[in-house]
Amino acid sequence: MDMKKRISLELRDRNPAEVQQLVLDHSLCAVGQLEALSDFSSLQELSLVGVGLSSLSNMPSLPKLHTLSAGGNLLSGGLDSLNEKCPNLKTLNLKDNKIKELSSIQTLQNLKNLRSLDLRGCEVSALPGYRDAIFTLLPALSRLDGAQQDPEEQDSEGEPDDDEEAGPPEDDDDDDDNDDVDEDDSSEGEEDEVGLSYLMKEGIQDEEDDGDYVEEEDEEEEEEEEEEDGDVQGEKRKREAEDDGDDDDDE
């Protein structure tokens, strides 16, 4: 599908001057067809991925455009036209193109609002000192190939704050509860000790009382035995006296 037909489909009966976002990826861009975008005066985001572009020299004036994606094309230069046609660009995606020289990137210096540039897959990204050189050429740039200028700054963005690392505050109520439990346990222990001592004392007293009772029984038994012995001896003496009386009578 060529680009003109694709543009007609994307419009959907809308007024081109009111369109803010337009995606024309993988349509066929013939020579001069970029000029058809001149009616999109309010366009802010434009995607031209894999449309066969070899130059951006025919880019129409898009003063409100802040994001341009032109990856997967045949661009090797001619980026200087963006300075005039798209002066408010903030994000420029040129990955997987044929850009080989740093001089091609140097022409973007007049894009004062450019903050993000993607050149992954381009030969220029394999040059020694490429990353430092790009940031030197474009001092306003803060992001290159999806990474922040300062790797430490990027790492710090993913680190949690001290407040986030800190765990939840300790619950003082739990400590109070534990103290209460310890006090209860100690008081119960004291009660058990007192109760045990009391029982032991009671047991000792019972044993002493039982001992006294046994001794009293033994004494009573001995007294009874003595009384019985006394009675027996009295009877014996009485009988002997009677026998002696009988013998005297016989004489």
C-alpha atoms as a PDB file:
ATOM      1  CA  MET A   1       0.000   0.000   0.000  1.00  0.00           C
ATOM      2  CA  ASP A   2       1.460   3.342  -0.948  1.00  0.00           C
ATOM      3  CA  MET A   3       1.637   6.192   1.522  1.00  0.00           C
ATOM      4  CA  LYS A   4      -1.116   8.334  -0.027  1.00  0.00           C
ATOM      5  CA  LYS A   5      -3.651   5.553   0.294  1.00  0.00           C
ATOM      6  CA  ARG A   6      -2.492   4.819   3.810  1.00  0.00           C
ATOM      7  CA  ILE A   7      -2.925   8.478   4.769  1.00  0.00           C
ATOM      8  CA  SER A   8      -6.497   8.421   3.447  1.00  0.00           C
ATOM      9  CA  LEU A   9      -7.290   5.354   5.561  1.00  0.00           C
ATOM     10  CA  GLU A  10      -5.780   6.894   8.674  1.00  0.00           C
ATOM     11  CA  LEU A  11      -7.745  10.115   8.298  1.00  0.00           C
ATOM     12  CA  ARG A  12     -11.164   8.408   8.514  1.00  0.00           C
ATOM     13  CA  ASP A  13     -12.950  11.506   7.291  1.00  0.00           C
ATOM     14  CA  ARG A  14     -11.127  13.708   9.796  1.00  0.00           C
ATOM     15  CA  ASN A  15      -9.703  17.101   9.004  1.00  0.00           C
ATOM     16  CA  PRO A  16      -5.875  16.748   8.546  1.00  0.00           C
ATOM     17  CA  ALA A  17      -5.327  20.011  10.399  1.00  0.00           C
ATOM     18  CA  GLU A  18      -6.881  18.459  13.541  1.00  0.00           C
ATOM     19  CA  VAL A  19      -4.914  15.199  13.547  1.00  0.00           C
ATOM     20  CA  GLN A  20      -2.249  15.038  16.258  1.00  0.00           C
ATOM     21  CA  GLN A  21      -0.987  11.463  15.813  1.00  0.00           C
ATOM     22  CA  LEU A  22      -0.345   9.597  12.573  1.00  0.00           C
ATOM     23  CA  VAL A  23       1.070   6.099  12.055  1.00  0.00           C
ATOM     24  CA  LEU A  24       2.161   5.188   8.507  1.00  0.00           C
ATOM     25  CA  ASP A  25       4.478   2.265   9.306  1.00  0.00           C
ATOM     26  CA  HIS A  26       5.436  -0.122   6.471  1.00  0.00           C
ATOM     27  CA  SER A  27       3.598   1.790   3.779  1.00  0.00           C
ATOM     28  CA  LEU A  28       5.485   2.494   0.546  1.00  0.00           C
ATOM     29  CA  CYS A  29       6.806   6.044   0.411  1.00  0.00           C
ATOM     30  CA  ALA A  30       7.478   7.075  -3.170  1.00  0.00           C
ATOM     31  CA  VAL A  31       9.534  10.144  -4.000  1.00  0.00           C
ATOM     32  CA  GLY A  32       7.724  13.334  -2.990  1.00  0.00           C
ATOM     33  CA  GLN A  33       4.975  11.613  -1.007  1.00  0.00           C
ATOM     34  CA  LEU A  34       6.149  13.111   2.249  1.00  0.00           C
ATOM     35  CA  GLU A  35       4.854  16.421   0.986  1.00  0.00           C
ATOM     36  CA  ALA A  36       1.324  15.056   1.466  1.00  0.00           C
ATOM     37  CA  LEU A  37       1.865  15.586   5.193  1.00  0.00           C
ATOM     38  CA  SER A  38       1.939  19.349   4.798  1.00  0.00           C
ATOM     39  CA  ASP A  39      -1.776  19.545   5.634  1.00  0.00           C
ATOM     40  CA  PHE A  40      -1.168  18.066   9.111  1.00  0.00           C
ATOM     41  CA  SER A  41      -0.269  21.344  10.749  1.00  0.00           C
ATOM     42  CA  SER A  42      -1.269  20.155  14.264  1.00  0.00           C
ATOM     43  CA  LEU A  43       0.629  16.839  14.073  1.00  0.00           C
ATOM     44  CA  GLN A  44       2.582  16.046  17.244  1.00  0.00           C
ATOM     45  CA  GLU A  45       3.566  12.379  16.748  1.00  0.00           C
ATOM     46  CA  LEU A  46       4.543  10.811  13.424  1.00  0.00           C
ATOM     47  CA  SER A  47       5.678   7.226  12.802  1.00  0.00           C
ATOM     48  CA  LEU A  48       7.377   6.346   9.479  1.00  0.00           C
ATOM     49  CA  VAL A  49       8.948   2.992  10.407  1.00  0.00           C
ATOM     50  CA  GLY A  50      10.036   0.843   7.457  1.00  0.00           C
ATOM     51  CA  VAL A  51       8.625   3.010   4.659  1.00  0.00           C
ATOM     52  CA  GLY A  52      11.796   2.999   2.529  1.00  0.00           C
ATOM     53  CA  LEU A  53      12.982   6.544   3.282  1.00  0.00           C
ATOM     54  CA  SER A  54      16.454   7.421   2.035  1.00  0.00           C
ATOM     55  CA  SER A  55      16.248  11.131   2.906  1.00  0.00           C
ATOM     56  CA  LEU A  56      14.212  13.555   4.983  1.00  0.00           C
ATOM     57  CA  SER A  57      14.872  16.498   2.710  1.00  0.00           C
ATOM     58  CA  ASN A  58      11.245  16.489   1.520  1.00  0.00           C
ATOM     59  CA  MET A  59       9.839  16.586   5.053  1.00  0.00           C
ATOM     60  CA  PRO A  60       7.073  19.256   5.160  1.00  0.00           C
ATOM     61  CA  SER A  61       6.953  21.875   7.874  1.00  0.00           C
ATOM     62  CA  LEU A  62       5.486  20.390  11.037  1.00  0.00           C
ATOM     63  CA  PRO A  63       6.104  23.005  13.727  1.00  0.00           C
ATOM     64  CA  LYS A  64       4.209  21.136  16.495  1.00  0.00           C
ATOM     65  CA  LEU A  65       5.854  17.739  15.892  1.00  0.00           C
ATOM     66  CA  HIS A  66       7.686  16.560  19.033  1.00  0.00           C
ATOM     67  CA  THR A  67       8.097  12.814  18.305  1.00  0.00           C
ATOM     68  CA  LEU A  68       9.386  11.319  15.038  1.00  0.00           C
ATOM     69  CA  SER A  69       9.966   7.576  14.569  1.00  0.00           C
ATOM     70  CA  ALA A  70      11.807   6.785  11.351  1.00  0.00           C
ATOM     71  CA  GLY A  71      13.546   3.512  12.179  1.00  0.00           C
ATOM     72  CA  GLY A  72      14.151   0.685   9.717  1.00  0.00           C
ATOM     73  CA  ASN A  73      14.753   2.930   6.705  1.00  0.00           C
ATOM     74  CA  LEU A  74      17.698   3.773   4.438  1.00  0.00           C
ATOM     75  CA  LEU A  75      18.654   7.114   5.924  1.00  0.00           C
ATOM     76  CA  SER A  76      22.348   7.936   5.806  1.00  0.00           C
ATOM     77  CA  GLY A  77      22.213  11.736   6.105  1.00  0.00           C
ATOM     78  CA  GLY A  78      20.078  14.705   5.190  1.00  0.00           C
ATOM     79  CA  LEU A  79      18.988  15.172   8.795  1.00  0.00           C
ATOM     80  CA  ASP A  80      19.688  18.907   8.714  1.00  0.00           C
ATOM     81  CA  SER A  81      16.250  19.564   7.205  1.00  0.00           C
ATOM     82  CA  LEU A  82      14.723  18.666  10.581  1.00  0.00           C
ATOM     83  CA  ASN A  83      16.226  21.804  12.110  1.00  0.00           C
ATOM     84  CA  GLU A  84      13.972  23.977   9.985  1.00  0.00           C
ATOM     85  CA  LYS A  85      10.954  21.740   9.376  1.00  0.00           C
ATOM     86  CA  CYS A  86      10.561  20.236  12.846  1.00  0.00           C
ATOM     87  CA  PRO A  87      12.247  22.690  15.251  1.00  0.00           C
ATOM     88  CA  ASN A  88      10.373  21.413  18.368  1.00  0.00           C
ATOM     89  CA  LEU A  89      11.424  17.770  18.148  1.00  0.00           C
ATOM     90  CA  LYS A  90      12.036  16.181  21.558  1.00  0.00           C
ATOM     91  CA  THR A  91      12.272  12.491  20.602  1.00  0.00           C
ATOM     92  CA  LEU A  92      13.937  11.165  17.433  1.00  0.00           C
ATOM     93  CA  ASN A  93      14.118   7.448  16.649  1.00  0.00           C
ATOM     94  CA  LEU A  94      16.555   6.628  13.820  1.00  0.00           C
ATOM     95  CA  LYS A  95      17.576   3.074  14.743  1.00  0.00           C
ATOM     96  CA  ASP A  96      18.371   0.467  12.068  1.00  0.00           C
ATOM     97  CA  ASN A  97      19.299   3.056   9.433  1.00  0.00           C
ATOM     98  CA  LYS A  98      22.490   3.577   7.389  1.00  0.00           C
ATOM     99  CA  ILE A  99      23.986   6.406   9.400  1.00  0.00           C
ATOM    100  CA  LYS A 100      27.749   5.911   9.600  1.00  0.00           C
ATOM    101  CA  GLU A 101      29.340   9.258  10.463  1.00  0.00           C
ATOM    102  CA  LEU A 102      29.170  11.472  13.533  1.00  0.00           C
ATOM    103  CA  SER A 103      28.969  14.439  11.187  1.00  0.00           C
ATOM    104  CA  SER A 104      25.464  13.312  10.194  1.00  0.00           C
ATOM    105  CA  ILE A 105      24.414  13.635  13.824  1.00  0.00           C
ATOM    106  CA  GLN A 106      26.204  16.949  14.271  1.00  0.00           C
ATOM    107  CA  THR A 107      23.644  18.570  11.985  1.00  0.00           C
ATOM    108  CA  LEU A 108      21.018  18.084  14.723  1.00  0.00           C
ATOM    109  CA  GLN A 109      22.688  20.614  17.011  1.00  0.00           C
ATOM    110  CA  ASN A 110      20.068  23.253  16.253  1.00  0.00           C
ATOM    111  CA  LEU A 111      17.313  21.059  17.703  1.00  0.00           C
ATOM    112  CA  LYS A 112      17.478  22.742  21.113  1.00  0.00           C
ATOM    113  CA  ASN A 113      14.548  20.735  22.520  1.00  0.00           C
ATOM    114  CA  LEU A 114      15.893  17.307  21.504  1.00  0.00           C
ATOM    115  CA  ARG A 115      16.137  15.128  24.625  1.00  0.00           C
ATOM    116  CA  SER A 116      16.029  11.538  23.345  1.00  0.00           C
ATOM    117  CA  LEU A 117      17.862  10.015  20.384  1.00  0.00           C
ATOM    118  CA  ASP A 118      17.948   6.366  19.317  1.00  0.00           C
ATOM    119  CA  LEU A 119      20.673   5.187  16.903  1.00  0.00           C
ATOM    120  CA  ARG A 120      20.779   1.506  17.793  1.00  0.00           C
ATOM    121  CA  GLY A 121      21.515  -0.674  14.815  1.00  0.00           C
ATOM    122  CA  CYS A 122      23.258   2.150  12.942  1.00  0.00           C
ATOM    123  CA  GLU A 123      26.947   1.785  12.095  1.00  0.00           C
ATOM    124  CA  VAL A 124      27.763   5.019  13.888  1.00  0.00           C
ATOM    125  CA  SER A 125      26.836   3.411  17.224  1.00  0.00           C
ATOM    126  CA  ALA A 126      29.787   1.019  16.850  1.00  0.00           C
ATOM    127  CA  LEU A 127      32.401   3.793  16.674  1.00  0.00           C
ATOM    128  CA  PRO A 128      34.902   4.052  19.573  1.00  0.00           C
ATOM    129  CA  GLY A 129      33.802   6.631  22.121  1.00  0.00           C
ATOM    130  CA  TYR A 130      30.460   6.933  20.333  1.00  0.00           C
ATOM    131  CA  ARG A 131      28.348   7.594  23.387  1.00  0.00           C
ATOM    132  CA  ASP A 132      30.531  10.350  24.827  1.00  0.00           C
ATOM    133  CA  ALA A 133      30.877  11.921  21.386  1.00  0.00           C
ATOM    134  CA  ILE A 134      27.094  12.102  20.891  1.00  0.00           C
ATOM    135  CA  PHE A 135      26.525  13.752  24.246  1.00  0.00           C
ATOM    136  CA  THR A 136      29.279  16.210  23.425  1.00  0.00           C
ATOM    137  CA  LEU A 137      27.726  17.084  20.082  1.00  0.00           C
ATOM    138  CA  LEU A 138      24.223  17.362  21.556  1.00  0.00           C
ATOM    139  CA  PRO A 139      24.645  18.742  25.104  1.00  0.00           C
ATOM    140  CA  ALA A 140      20.870  19.130  25.606  1.00  0.00           C
ATOM    141  CA  LEU A 141      20.424  15.371  25.063  1.00  0.00           C
ATOM    142  CA  SER A 142      19.554  13.375  28.196  1.00  0.00           C
ATOM    143  CA  ARG A 143      18.785   9.934  26.745  1.00  0.00           C
ATOM    144  CA  LEU A 144      20.648   7.950  24.077  1.00  0.00           C
ATOM    145  CA  ASP A 145      19.656   4.525  22.773  1.00  0.00           C
ATOM    146  CA  GLY A 146      17.149   4.066  25.555  1.00  0.00           C
ATOM    147  CA  ALA A 147      19.603   4.825  28.377  1.00  0.00           C
ATOM    148  CA  GLN A 148      20.112   7.906  30.518  1.00  0.00           C
ATOM    149  CA  GLN A 149      23.240   9.996  30.018  1.00  0.00           C
ATOM    150  CA  ASP A 150      24.389   9.190  33.563  1.00  0.00           C
ATOM    151  CA  PRO A 151      24.061   5.422  34.271  1.00  0.00           C
ATOM    152  CA  GLU A 152      24.269   6.089  38.023  1.00  0.00           C
ATOM    153  CA  GLU A 153      21.320   8.464  37.747  1.00  0.00           C
ATOM    154  CA  GLN A 154      19.367   5.771  35.899  1.00  0.00           C
ATOM    155  CA  ASP A 155      20.161   3.213  38.614  1.00  0.00           C
ATOM    156  CA  SER A 156      19.135   5.628  41.319  1.00  0.00           C
ATOM    157  CA  GLU A 157      15.733   6.024  39.668  1.00  0.00           C
ATOM    158  CA  GLY A 158      15.004   2.354  40.263  1.00  0.00           C
ATOM    159  CA  GLU A 159      16.195   2.369  43.857  1.00  0.00           C
ATOM    160  CA  PRO A 160      13.554   2.769  46.549  1.00  0.00           C
ATOM    161  CA  ASP A 161      13.728   5.655  48.979  1.00  0.00           C
ATOM    162  CA  ASP A 162      14.883   5.108  52.507  1.00  0.00           C
ATOM    163  CA  ASP A 163      11.310   5.412  53.655  1.00  0.00           C
ATOM    164  CA  GLU A 164      10.269   2.662  51.247  1.00  0.00           C
ATOM    165  CA  GLU A 165      13.096   0.362  52.376  1.00  0.00           C
ATOM    166  CA  ALA A 166      12.237   0.832  55.992  1.00  0.00           C
ATOM    167  CA  GLY A 167       9.883  -1.770  57.321  1.00  0.00           C
ATOM    168  CA  PRO A 168       6.626  -0.991  59.084  1.00  0.00           C
ATOM    169  CA  PRO A 169       6.980   0.663  62.479  1.00  0.00           C
ATOM    170  CA  GLU A 170       7.168  -1.667  65.407  1.00  0.00           C
ATOM    171  CA  ASP A 171       3.928  -2.136  67.238  1.00  0.00           C
ATOM    172  CA  ASP A 172       4.403  -1.028  70.823  1.00  0.00           C
ATOM    173  CA  ASP A 173       1.110  -2.652  71.707  1.00  0.00           C
ATOM    174  CA  ASP A 174       2.654  -6.053  71.069  1.00  0.00           C
ATOM    175  CA  ASP A 175       5.421  -5.302  73.544  1.00  0.00           C
ATOM    176  CA  ASP A 176       2.872  -4.162  76.085  1.00  0.00           C
ATOM    177  CA  ASP A 177       0.879  -7.319  75.493  1.00  0.00           C
ATOM    178  CA  ASN A 178       4.020  -9.392  75.986  1.00  0.00           C
ATOM    179  CA  ASP A 179       4.757  -7.539  79.218  1.00  0.00           C
ATOM    180  CA  ASP A 180       1.238  -8.232  80.399  1.00  0.00           C
ATOM    181  CA  VAL A 181       1.608 -11.871  79.524  1.00  0.00           C
ATOM    182  CA  ASP A 182       4.920 -12.076  81.383  1.00  0.00           C
ATOM    183  CA  GLU A 183       3.373 -10.421  84.430  1.00  0.00           C
ATOM    184  CA  ASP A 184       0.431 -12.796  84.303  1.00  0.00           C
ATOM    185  CA  ASP A 185       2.761 -15.761  83.992  1.00  0.00           C
ATOM    186  CA  SER A 186       4.858 -14.582  86.917  1.00  0.00           C
ATOM    187  CA  SER A 187       1.783 -13.962  89.079  1.00  0.00           C
ATOM    188  CA  GLU A 188       0.421 -17.362  88.171  1.00  0.00           C
ATOM    189  CA  GLY A 189       3.765 -18.867  89.040  1.00  0.00           C
ATOM    190  CA  GLU A 190       3.712 -17.160  92.404  1.00  0.00           C
ATOM    191  CA  GLU A 191       0.171 -18.365  93.038  1.00  0.00           C
ATOM    192  CA  ASP A 192       1.190 -21.891  92.081  1.00  0.00           C
ATOM    193  CA  GLU A 193       4.158 -21.662  94.387  1.00  0.00           C
ATOM    194  CA  VAL A 194       2.042 -20.369  97.245  1.00  0.00           C
ATOM    195  CA  GLY A 195      -0.607 -22.991  96.606  1.00  0.00           C
ATOM    196  CA  LEU A 196       1.994 -25.728  96.452  1.00  0.00           C
ATOM    197  CA  SER A 197       3.598 -24.567  99.651  1.00  0.00           C
ATOM    198  CA  TYR A 198       0.223 -24.454 101.318  1.00  0.00           C
ATOM    199  CA  LEU A 199      -0.609 -27.965 100.213  1.00  0.00           C
ATOM    200  CA  MET A 200       2.739 -29.239 101.349  1.00  0.00           C
ATOM    201  CA  LYS A 201       2.259 -27.619 104.723  1.00  0.00           C
ATOM    202  CA  GLU A 202      -1.235 -29.065 104.948  1.00  0.00           C
ATOM    203  CA  GLY A 203       0.126 -32.472 104.087  1.00  0.00           C
ATOM    204  CA  ILE A 204       2.807 -32.219 106.743  1.00  0.00           C
ATOM    205  CA  GLN A 205       0.251 -31.099 109.323  1.00  0.00           C
ATOM    206  CA  ASP A 206      -2.024 -33.986 108.357  1.00  0.00           C
ATOM    207  CA  GLU A 207       0.834 -36.420 108.808  1.00  0.00           C
ATOM    208  CA  GLU A 208       1.631 -34.956 112.217  1.00  0.00           C
ATOM    209  CA  ASP A 209      -2.021 -35.124 113.223  1.00  0.00           C
ATOM    210  CA  ASP A 210      -2.207 -38.712 112.025  1.00  0.00           C
ATOM    211  CA  GLY A 211       0.906 -39.522 114.019  1.00  0.00           C
ATOM    212  CA  ASP A 212      -0.546 -37.984 117.158  1.00  0.00           C
ATOM    213  CA  TYR A 213      -3.772 -39.878 116.634  1.00  0.00           C
ATOM    214  CA  VAL A 214      -1.898 -43.153 116.233  1.00  0.00           C
ATOM    215  CA  GLU A 215       0.081 -42.504 119.384  1.00  0.00           C
ATOM    216  CA  GLU A 216      -3.125 -41.771 121.315  1.00  0.00           C
ATOM    217  CA  GLU A 217      -4.654 -45.004 120.058  1.00  0.00           C
ATOM    218  CA  ASP A 218      -1.563 -46.931 121.104  1.00  0.00           C
ATOM    219  CA  GLU A 219      -1.708 -45.422 124.579  1.00  0.00           C
ATOM    220  CA  GLU A 220      -5.393 -46.234 124.924  1.00  0.00           C
ATOM    221  CA  GLU A 221      -4.739 -49.810 123.845  1.00  0.00           C
ATOM    222  CA  GLU A 222      -1.938 -50.148 126.352  1.00  0.00           C
ATOM    223  CA  GLU A 223      -4.178 -48.786 129.114  1.00  0.00           C
ATOM    224  CA  GLU A 224      -6.923 -51.219 128.159  1.00  0.00           C
ATOM    225  CA  GLU A 225      -4.447 -54.080 128.165  1.00  0.00           C
ATOM    226  CA  GLU A 226      -3.175 -53.043 131.586  1.00  0.00           C
ATOM    227  CA  GLU A 227      -6.728 -52.838 132.913  1.00  0.00           C
ATOM    228  CA  GLU A 228      -7.485 -56.251 131.526  1.00  0.00           C
ATOM    229  CA  ASP A 229      -4.317 -57.645 133.046  1.00  0.00           C
ATOM    230  CA  GLY A 230      -5.310 -56.047 136.364  1.00  0.00           C
ATOM    231  CA  ASP A 231      -8.764 -57.564 136.191  1.00  0.00           C
ATOM    232  CA  VAL A 232      -7.331 -60.978 135.356  1.00  0.00           C
ATOM    233  CA  GLN A 233      -4.888 -60.806 138.207  1.00  0.00           C
ATOM    234  CA  GLY A 234      -7.710 -59.659 140.593  1.00  0.00           C
ATOM    235  CA  GLU A 235      -9.880 -62.555 139.562  1.00  0.00           C
ATOM    236  CA  LYS A 236      -6.989 -64.915 140.024  1.00  0.00           C
ATOM    237  CA  ARG A 237      -6.276 -63.608 143.469  1.00  0.00           C
ATOM    238  CA  LYS A 238      -9.952 -63.829 144.394  1.00  0.00           C
ATOM    239  CA  ARG A 239     -10.108 -67.426 143.288  1.00  0.00           C
ATOM    240  CA  GLU A 240      -6.995 -68.298 145.216  1.00  0.00           C
ATOM    241  CA  ALA A 241      -8.465 -66.668 148.330  1.00  0.00           C
ATOM    242  CA  GLU A 242     -11.663 -68.654 147.932  1.00  0.00           C
ATOM    243  CA  ASP A 243      -9.695 -71.866 147.489  1.00  0.00           C
ATOM    244  CA  ASP A 244      -7.731 -71.148 150.632  1.00  0.00           C
ATOM    245  CA  GLY A 245     -11.006 -70.570 152.551  1.00  0.00           C
ATOM    246  CA  ASP A 246     -12.410 -73.853 151.346  1.00  0.00           C
ATOM    247  CA  ASP A 247      -9.334 -75.675 152.492  1.00  0.00           C
ATOM    248  CA  ASP A 248      -9.611 -74.180 155.997  1.00  0.00           C
ATOM    249  CA  ASP A 249     -13.226 -75.238 156.322  1.00  0.00           C
ATOM    250  CA  ASP A 250     -12.386 -78.810 155.466  1.00  0.00           C
ATOM    251  CA  GLU A 251      -9.919 -79.054 158.235  1.00  0.00           C
END
